[in-house]
Amino acid sequence: MPVTRFTTCLKGLAATLLTTVALILTAPAMATDGEGYREVKTDVSSPEGKVLVQEFFWYGCPHCHYLEAELEPWLEGLDEDVIFERRALALGEHWLPLTRAFYAAEQLDAVDDTHAEVFHAIHEEGTRLTDAEAIADFYAEQGVDRDAFLDAYEGFGTQNAIRKTNQIAQAAQVRGVPALLVDGRYLVTGRLAGGNAEMLDVVDSLIEQIRDERD
């Protein structure tokens, strides 16, 4: 993989270093790291009888692209009491176009038909999706109404979704992507878990732990 693609996520993180430091200084104290995860405090809670797993990602991140290959079979094997939710996160200003794209597609019920295609276009074909017009053209090629997409892209629903995701990520001290938040209180990252596949193993263990607690 070209070095320029691999460093895309790192550039975004470097651009927001001061913000990250501020989050670290102002965030609430956390419990000691567990096996592959960190305990955090957020306002997120799972619906009654369910376990909510939230993925924080960015389409331009190669590590998020790699995780997709692990996620697909994992999602197919989830039990009915597990809810999986994707949350596109913007850790830098130049992350916003693709973050907006995800939430616009979500409002149009087009994520299932476009999610993998966006990753493939960026990381396998080298497609540059850096502004609203180029992104709208791409989604139109996937069968999404272009005008409706642009309306959703600039609309209140997208802005609100981005704001809500940022609030959750700040509370959970999400410093990079991909990251998985389980039940609003356990943050799993590749660094803590040791890799993509290991992240999902940790999430599976946490799901079982939460079930045991409820029983």
C-alpha atoms as a PDB file:
ATOM      1  CA  MET A   1       0.000   0.000   0.000  1.00  0.00           C
ATOM      2  CA  PRO A   2       1.420   3.450  -0.890  1.00  0.00           C
ATOM      3  CA  VAL A   3       2.853   5.392   2.015  1.00  0.00           C
ATOM      4  CA  THR A   4       0.647   8.384   1.218  1.00  0.00           C
ATOM      5  CA  ARG A   5      -2.489   6.370   1.847  1.00  0.00           C
ATOM      6  CA  PHE A   6      -1.143   4.799   5.021  1.00  0.00           C
ATOM      7  CA  THR A   7      -0.392   8.209   6.513  1.00  0.00           C
ATOM      8  CA  THR A   8      -3.844   9.686   5.828  1.00  0.00           C
ATOM      9  CA  CYS A   9      -5.152   8.945   9.309  1.00  0.00           C
ATOM     10  CA  LEU A  10      -1.931  10.078  10.966  1.00  0.00           C
ATOM     11  CA  LYS A  11      -2.163  13.489   9.336  1.00  0.00           C
ATOM     12  CA  GLY A  12      -5.662  13.976  10.711  1.00  0.00           C
ATOM     13  CA  LEU A  13      -4.536  13.029  14.180  1.00  0.00           C
ATOM     14  CA  ALA A  14      -1.560  15.364  14.029  1.00  0.00           C
ATOM     15  CA  ALA A  15      -3.808  18.224  12.955  1.00  0.00           C
ATOM     16  CA  THR A  16      -5.928  17.758  16.047  1.00  0.00           C
ATOM     17  CA  LEU A  17      -3.152  17.128  18.569  1.00  0.00           C
ATOM     18  CA  LEU A  18      -3.975  20.171  20.672  1.00  0.00           C
ATOM     19  CA  THR A  19      -7.633  19.152  20.831  1.00  0.00           C
ATOM     20  CA  THR A  20      -6.661  15.657  21.906  1.00  0.00           C
ATOM     21  CA  VAL A  21      -4.429  16.991  24.660  1.00  0.00           C
ATOM     22  CA  ALA A  22      -7.291  19.172  25.888  1.00  0.00           C
ATOM     23  CA  LEU A  23      -9.574  16.140  26.022  1.00  0.00           C
ATOM     24  CA  ILE A  24      -7.024  14.211  28.047  1.00  0.00           C
ATOM     25  CA  LEU A  25      -6.647  17.032  30.548  1.00  0.00           C
ATOM     26  CA  THR A  26     -10.368  17.612  31.025  1.00  0.00           C
ATOM     27  CA  ALA A  27     -11.720  14.061  30.805  1.00  0.00           C
ATOM     28  CA  PRO A  28     -12.971  12.212  33.897  1.00  0.00           C
ATOM     29  CA  ALA A  29     -10.724   9.678  35.574  1.00  0.00           C
ATOM     30  CA  MET A  30     -10.882   6.188  34.125  1.00  0.00           C
ATOM     31  CA  ALA A  31     -10.439   2.742  35.578  1.00  0.00           C
ATOM     32  CA  THR A  32      -7.307   0.684  34.930  1.00  0.00           C
ATOM     33  CA  ASP A  33      -7.082  -0.838  31.469  1.00  0.00           C
ATOM     34  CA  GLY A  34      -8.505  -4.323  31.206  1.00  0.00           C
ATOM     35  CA  GLU A  35      -7.460  -7.093  28.842  1.00  0.00           C
ATOM     36  CA  GLY A  36      -7.651  -5.237  25.536  1.00  0.00           C
ATOM     37  CA  TYR A  37     -10.016  -2.507  26.646  1.00  0.00           C
ATOM     38  CA  ARG A  38     -10.326   0.595  28.792  1.00  0.00           C
ATOM     39  CA  GLU A  39     -13.205   1.514  31.058  1.00  0.00           C
ATOM     40  CA  VAL A  40     -14.739   4.892  30.210  1.00  0.00           C
ATOM     41  CA  LYS A  41     -17.684   7.010  31.316  1.00  0.00           C
ATOM     42  CA  THR A  42     -20.241   8.153  28.740  1.00  0.00           C
ATOM     43  CA  ASP A  43     -23.936   8.947  28.578  1.00  0.00           C
ATOM     44  CA  VAL A  44     -24.452   6.002  26.217  1.00  0.00           C
ATOM     45  CA  SER A  45     -26.350   2.973  27.476  1.00  0.00           C
ATOM     46  CA  SER A  46     -27.634  -0.131  25.803  1.00  0.00           C
ATOM     47  CA  PRO A  47     -31.386  -0.597  25.306  1.00  0.00           C
ATOM     48  CA  GLU A  48     -32.929  -2.882  27.906  1.00  0.00           C
ATOM     49  CA  GLY A  49     -31.946  -6.479  27.310  1.00  0.00           C
ATOM     50  CA  LYS A  50     -29.479  -5.555  24.568  1.00  0.00           C
ATOM     51  CA  VAL A  51     -25.760  -4.884  24.262  1.00  0.00           C
ATOM     52  CA  LEU A  52     -24.840  -1.886  22.122  1.00  0.00           C
ATOM     53  CA  VAL A  53     -21.557  -1.974  20.210  1.00  0.00           C
ATOM     54  CA  GLN A  54     -20.542   1.252  18.451  1.00  0.00           C
ATOM     55  CA  GLU A  55     -17.771   1.479  15.869  1.00  0.00           C
ATOM     56  CA  PHE A  56     -15.955   4.779  15.383  1.00  0.00           C
ATOM     57  CA  PHE A  57     -14.377   4.971  11.940  1.00  0.00           C
ATOM     58  CA  TRP A  58     -13.392   7.196   9.042  1.00  0.00           C
ATOM     59  CA  TYR A  59     -13.591   6.156   5.417  1.00  0.00           C
ATOM     60  CA  GLY A  60     -10.124   7.541   4.671  1.00  0.00           C
ATOM     61  CA  CYS A  61      -8.444   5.448   7.381  1.00  0.00           C
ATOM     62  CA  PRO A  62      -6.653   2.334   6.043  1.00  0.00           C
ATOM     63  CA  HIS A  63      -6.932   0.593   9.418  1.00  0.00           C
ATOM     64  CA  CYS A  64     -10.716   1.014   9.310  1.00  0.00           C
ATOM     65  CA  HIS A  65     -10.640  -0.465   5.815  1.00  0.00           C
ATOM     66  CA  TYR A  66      -8.714  -3.488   7.092  1.00  0.00           C
ATOM     67  CA  LEU A  67     -11.139  -3.925   9.984  1.00  0.00           C
ATOM     68  CA  GLU A  68     -14.073  -4.203   7.548  1.00  0.00           C
ATOM     69  CA  ALA A  69     -12.760  -7.559   6.356  1.00  0.00           C
ATOM     70  CA  GLU A  70     -12.922  -8.821   9.950  1.00  0.00           C
ATOM     71  CA  LEU A  71     -16.241  -7.133  10.730  1.00  0.00           C
ATOM     72  CA  GLU A  72     -18.327  -8.679   7.972  1.00  0.00           C
ATOM     73  CA  PRO A  73     -18.209 -12.314   9.146  1.00  0.00           C
ATOM     74  CA  TRP A  74     -18.355 -11.169  12.771  1.00  0.00           C
ATOM     75  CA  LEU A  75     -21.549  -9.212  12.168  1.00  0.00           C
ATOM     76  CA  GLU A  76     -23.171 -12.196  10.491  1.00  0.00           C
ATOM     77  CA  GLY A  77     -22.630 -14.253  13.632  1.00  0.00           C
ATOM     78  CA  LEU A  78     -23.979 -11.751  16.165  1.00  0.00           C
ATOM     79  CA  ASP A  79     -26.767 -12.880  18.472  1.00  0.00           C
ATOM     80  CA  GLU A  80     -30.065 -11.011  18.463  1.00  0.00           C
ATOM     81  CA  ASP A  81     -29.335  -9.256  21.737  1.00  0.00           C
ATOM     82  CA  VAL A  82     -26.361  -7.372  20.228  1.00  0.00           C
ATOM     83  CA  ILE A  83     -26.932  -4.075  18.419  1.00  0.00           C
ATOM     84  CA  PHE A  84     -24.141  -2.841  16.151  1.00  0.00           C
ATOM     85  CA  GLU A  85     -23.973   0.843  15.281  1.00  0.00           C
ATOM     86  CA  ARG A  86     -21.503   2.612  13.000  1.00  0.00           C
ATOM     87  CA  ARG A  87     -20.435   6.156  13.851  1.00  0.00           C
ATOM     88  CA  ALA A  88     -18.305   8.131  11.411  1.00  0.00           C
ATOM     89  CA  LEU A  89     -15.947  10.358  13.382  1.00  0.00           C
ATOM     90  CA  ALA A  90     -14.153  13.501  12.198  1.00  0.00           C
ATOM     91  CA  LEU A  91     -10.893  14.014  14.096  1.00  0.00           C
ATOM     92  CA  GLY A  92      -9.824  16.765  11.728  1.00  0.00           C
ATOM     93  CA  GLU A  93     -11.380  19.326   9.423  1.00  0.00           C
ATOM     94  CA  HIS A  94     -10.428  17.424   6.288  1.00  0.00           C
ATOM     95  CA  TRP A  95     -12.175  14.332   7.666  1.00  0.00           C
ATOM     96  CA  LEU A  96     -15.549  16.089   7.513  1.00  0.00           C
ATOM     97  CA  PRO A  97     -16.512  15.486   3.847  1.00  0.00           C
ATOM     98  CA  LEU A  98     -16.411  11.699   4.156  1.00  0.00           C
ATOM     99  CA  THR A  99     -17.990  11.871   7.610  1.00  0.00           C
ATOM    100  CA  ARG A 100     -20.856  13.904   6.166  1.00  0.00           C
ATOM    101  CA  ALA A 101     -21.124  11.376   3.359  1.00  0.00           C
ATOM    102  CA  PHE A 102     -21.775   8.518   5.766  1.00  0.00           C
ATOM    103  CA  TYR A 103     -24.547  10.333   7.633  1.00  0.00           C
ATOM    104  CA  ALA A 104     -26.149  11.557   4.408  1.00  0.00           C
ATOM    105  CA  ALA A 105     -26.232   7.977   3.163  1.00  0.00           C
ATOM    106  CA  GLU A 106     -27.585   6.831   6.518  1.00  0.00           C
ATOM    107  CA  GLN A 107     -30.507   9.251   6.273  1.00  0.00           C
ATOM    108  CA  LEU A 108     -31.267   7.924   2.802  1.00  0.00           C
ATOM    109  CA  ASP A 109     -31.055   4.274   3.963  1.00  0.00           C
ATOM    110  CA  ALA A 110     -28.167   3.792   1.547  1.00  0.00           C
ATOM    111  CA  VAL A 111     -25.385   2.691   3.896  1.00  0.00           C
ATOM    112  CA  ASP A 112     -25.824  -1.035   3.276  1.00  0.00           C
ATOM    113  CA  ASP A 113     -25.518  -0.470  -0.477  1.00  0.00           C
ATOM    114  CA  THR A 114     -22.577   1.947  -0.366  1.00  0.00           C
ATOM    115  CA  HIS A 115     -20.456   1.363   2.736  1.00  0.00           C
ATOM    116  CA  ALA A 116     -18.110  -1.256   1.320  1.00  0.00           C
ATOM    117  CA  GLU A 117     -17.985   0.522  -2.026  1.00  0.00           C
ATOM    118  CA  VAL A 118     -16.700   3.749  -0.460  1.00  0.00           C
ATOM    119  CA  PHE A 119     -13.871   1.914   1.292  1.00  0.00           C
ATOM    120  CA  HIS A 120     -13.028  -0.007  -1.878  1.00  0.00           C
ATOM    121  CA  ALA A 121     -13.001   3.093  -4.066  1.00  0.00           C
ATOM    122  CA  ILE A 122     -10.673   4.998  -1.742  1.00  0.00           C
ATOM    123  CA  HIS A 123      -8.254   2.269  -0.690  1.00  0.00           C
ATOM    124  CA  GLU A 124      -8.300  -0.153  -3.613  1.00  0.00           C
ATOM    125  CA  GLU A 125      -8.881   2.153  -6.575  1.00  0.00           C
ATOM    126  CA  GLY A 126      -7.306   5.362  -5.302  1.00  0.00           C
ATOM    127  CA  THR A 127     -10.471   7.405  -5.885  1.00  0.00           C
ATOM    128  CA  ARG A 128     -10.259  10.904  -4.411  1.00  0.00           C
ATOM    129  CA  LEU A 129     -13.451  11.794  -2.554  1.00  0.00           C
ATOM    130  CA  THR A 130     -12.509  15.092  -0.951  1.00  0.00           C
ATOM    131  CA  ASP A 131     -15.399  17.464  -1.661  1.00  0.00           C
ATOM    132  CA  ALA A 132     -19.185  17.432  -1.799  1.00  0.00           C
ATOM    133  CA  GLU A 133     -19.462  17.384  -5.599  1.00  0.00           C
ATOM    134  CA  ALA A 134     -17.081  14.477  -6.108  1.00  0.00           C
ATOM    135  CA  ILE A 135     -18.697  12.558  -3.277  1.00  0.00           C
ATOM    136  CA  ALA A 136     -22.207  13.205  -4.626  1.00  0.00           C
ATOM    137  CA  ASP A 137     -21.113  12.006  -8.062  1.00  0.00           C
ATOM    138  CA  PHE A 138     -19.761   8.815  -6.548  1.00  0.00           C
ATOM    139  CA  TYR A 139     -22.917   8.086  -4.576  1.00  0.00           C
ATOM    140  CA  ALA A 140     -25.006   8.779  -7.678  1.00  0.00           C
ATOM    141  CA  GLU A 141     -22.977   6.090  -9.458  1.00  0.00           C
ATOM    142  CA  GLN A 142     -24.048   3.724  -6.677  1.00  0.00           C
ATOM    143  CA  GLY A 143     -27.715   4.463  -7.394  1.00  0.00           C
ATOM    144  CA  VAL A 144     -28.320   7.176  -4.776  1.00  0.00           C
ATOM    145  CA  ASP A 145     -30.329  10.210  -5.881  1.00  0.00           C
ATOM    146  CA  ARG A 146     -27.742  12.966  -6.249  1.00  0.00           C
ATOM    147  CA  ASP A 147     -29.948  15.919  -5.250  1.00  0.00           C
ATOM    148  CA  ALA A 148     -31.352  14.082  -2.239  1.00  0.00           C
ATOM    149  CA  PHE A 149     -27.830  13.140  -1.208  1.00  0.00           C
ATOM    150  CA  LEU A 150     -26.593  16.741  -1.354  1.00  0.00           C
ATOM    151  CA  ASP A 151     -29.607  17.925   0.641  1.00  0.00           C
ATOM    152  CA  ALA A 152     -28.868  15.347   3.333  1.00  0.00           C
ATOM    153  CA  TYR A 153     -25.133  16.086   3.156  1.00  0.00           C
ATOM    154  CA  GLU A 154     -25.693  19.733   4.088  1.00  0.00           C
ATOM    155  CA  GLY A 155     -28.757  19.172   6.247  1.00  0.00           C
ATOM    156  CA  PHE A 156     -29.461  19.451   9.954  1.00  0.00           C
ATOM    157  CA  GLY A 157     -29.704  15.702  10.416  1.00  0.00           C
ATOM    158  CA  THR A 158     -26.114  15.229   9.317  1.00  0.00           C
ATOM    159  CA  GLN A 159     -24.833  18.108  11.432  1.00  0.00           C
ATOM    160  CA  ASN A 160     -26.675  16.755  14.465  1.00  0.00           C
ATOM    161  CA  ALA A 161     -25.315  13.239  13.940  1.00  0.00           C
ATOM    162  CA  ILE A 162     -21.753  14.555  13.695  1.00  0.00           C
ATOM    163  CA  ARG A 163     -22.209  16.611  16.861  1.00  0.00           C
ATOM    164  CA  LYS A 164     -23.636  13.648  18.775  1.00  0.00           C
ATOM    165  CA  THR A 165     -20.810  11.368  17.637  1.00  0.00           C
ATOM    166  CA  ASN A 166     -18.222  13.937  18.686  1.00  0.00           C
ATOM    167  CA  GLN A 167     -19.800  14.179  22.133  1.00  0.00           C
ATOM    168  CA  ILE A 168     -19.702  10.420  22.630  1.00  0.00           C
ATOM    169  CA  ALA A 169     -16.147  10.178  21.322  1.00  0.00           C
ATOM    170  CA  GLN A 170     -14.985  12.981  23.610  1.00  0.00           C
ATOM    171  CA  ALA A 171     -16.518  11.338  26.662  1.00  0.00           C
ATOM    172  CA  ALA A 172     -15.001   7.970  25.706  1.00  0.00           C
ATOM    173  CA  GLN A 173     -11.631   9.571  24.943  1.00  0.00           C
ATOM    174  CA  VAL A 174     -11.501   8.155  21.432  1.00  0.00           C
ATOM    175  CA  ARG A 175      -8.115   9.342  20.158  1.00  0.00           C
ATOM    176  CA  GLY A 176      -7.985   7.419  16.893  1.00  0.00           C
ATOM    177  CA  VAL A 177      -9.909   5.085  14.648  1.00  0.00           C
ATOM    178  CA  PRO A 178     -11.018   2.383  14.412  1.00  0.00           C
ATOM    179  CA  ALA A 179     -12.355   2.071  17.945  1.00  0.00           C
ATOM    180  CA  LEU A 180     -15.221   0.042  19.397  1.00  0.00           C
ATOM    181  CA  LEU A 181     -17.341   1.183  22.344  1.00  0.00           C
ATOM    182  CA  VAL A 182     -19.255  -1.539  24.172  1.00  0.00           C
ATOM    183  CA  ASP A 183     -22.276  -0.696  26.307  1.00  0.00           C
ATOM    184  CA  GLY A 184     -21.048   2.890  26.509  1.00  0.00           C
ATOM    185  CA  ARG A 185     -18.406   1.925  29.083  1.00  0.00           C
ATOM    186  CA  TYR A 186     -15.697  -0.206  27.485  1.00  0.00           C
ATOM    187  CA  LEU A 187     -13.443   1.219  24.774  1.00  0.00           C
ATOM    188  CA  VAL A 188     -11.604  -1.307  22.607  1.00  0.00           C
ATOM    189  CA  THR A 189      -8.787  -0.254  20.268  1.00  0.00           C
ATOM    190  CA  GLY A 190      -6.250  -2.069  18.156  1.00  0.00           C
ATOM    191  CA  ARG A 191      -3.440  -0.781  20.375  1.00  0.00           C
ATOM    192  CA  LEU A 192      -5.049  -2.126  23.524  1.00  0.00           C
ATOM    193  CA  ALA A 193      -6.218  -5.400  21.977  1.00  0.00           C
ATOM    194  CA  GLY A 194      -3.212  -6.067  19.764  1.00  0.00           C
ATOM    195  CA  GLY A 195      -4.870  -6.037  16.342  1.00  0.00           C
ATOM    196  CA  ASN A 196      -8.121  -6.025  14.384  1.00  0.00           C
ATOM    197  CA  ALA A 197      -9.154  -9.618  14.965  1.00  0.00           C
ATOM    198  CA  GLU A 198      -8.165  -9.288  18.613  1.00  0.00           C
ATOM    199  CA  MET A 199     -10.431  -6.239  18.950  1.00  0.00           C
ATOM    200  CA  LEU A 200     -13.429  -8.358  18.046  1.00  0.00           C
ATOM    201  CA  ASP A 201     -12.338 -11.130  20.418  1.00  0.00           C
ATOM    202  CA  VAL A 202     -12.231  -8.577  23.232  1.00  0.00           C
ATOM    203  CA  VAL A 203     -15.677  -7.280  22.282  1.00  0.00           C
ATOM    204  CA  ASP A 204     -17.037 -10.833  22.351  1.00  0.00           C
ATOM    205  CA  SER A 205     -15.627 -11.300  25.850  1.00  0.00           C
ATOM    206  CA  LEU A 206     -17.138  -8.026  27.031  1.00  0.00           C
ATOM    207  CA  ILE A 207     -20.532  -8.976  25.615  1.00  0.00           C
ATOM    208  CA  GLU A 208     -20.414 -12.222  27.602  1.00  0.00           C
ATOM    209  CA  GLN A 209     -19.305 -10.303  30.699  1.00  0.00           C
ATOM    210  CA  ILE A 210     -22.247  -7.901  30.396  1.00  0.00           C
ATOM    211  CA  ARG A 211     -24.661 -10.807  29.959  1.00  0.00           C
ATOM    212  CA  ASP A 212     -23.260 -12.458  33.074  1.00  0.00           C
ATOM    213  CA  GLU A 213     -23.656  -9.233  35.041  1.00  0.00           C
ATOM    214  CA  ARG A 214     -27.316  -9.025  34.069  1.00  0.00           C
ATOM    215  CA  ASP A 215     -27.954 -12.647  34.939  1.00  0.00           C
END
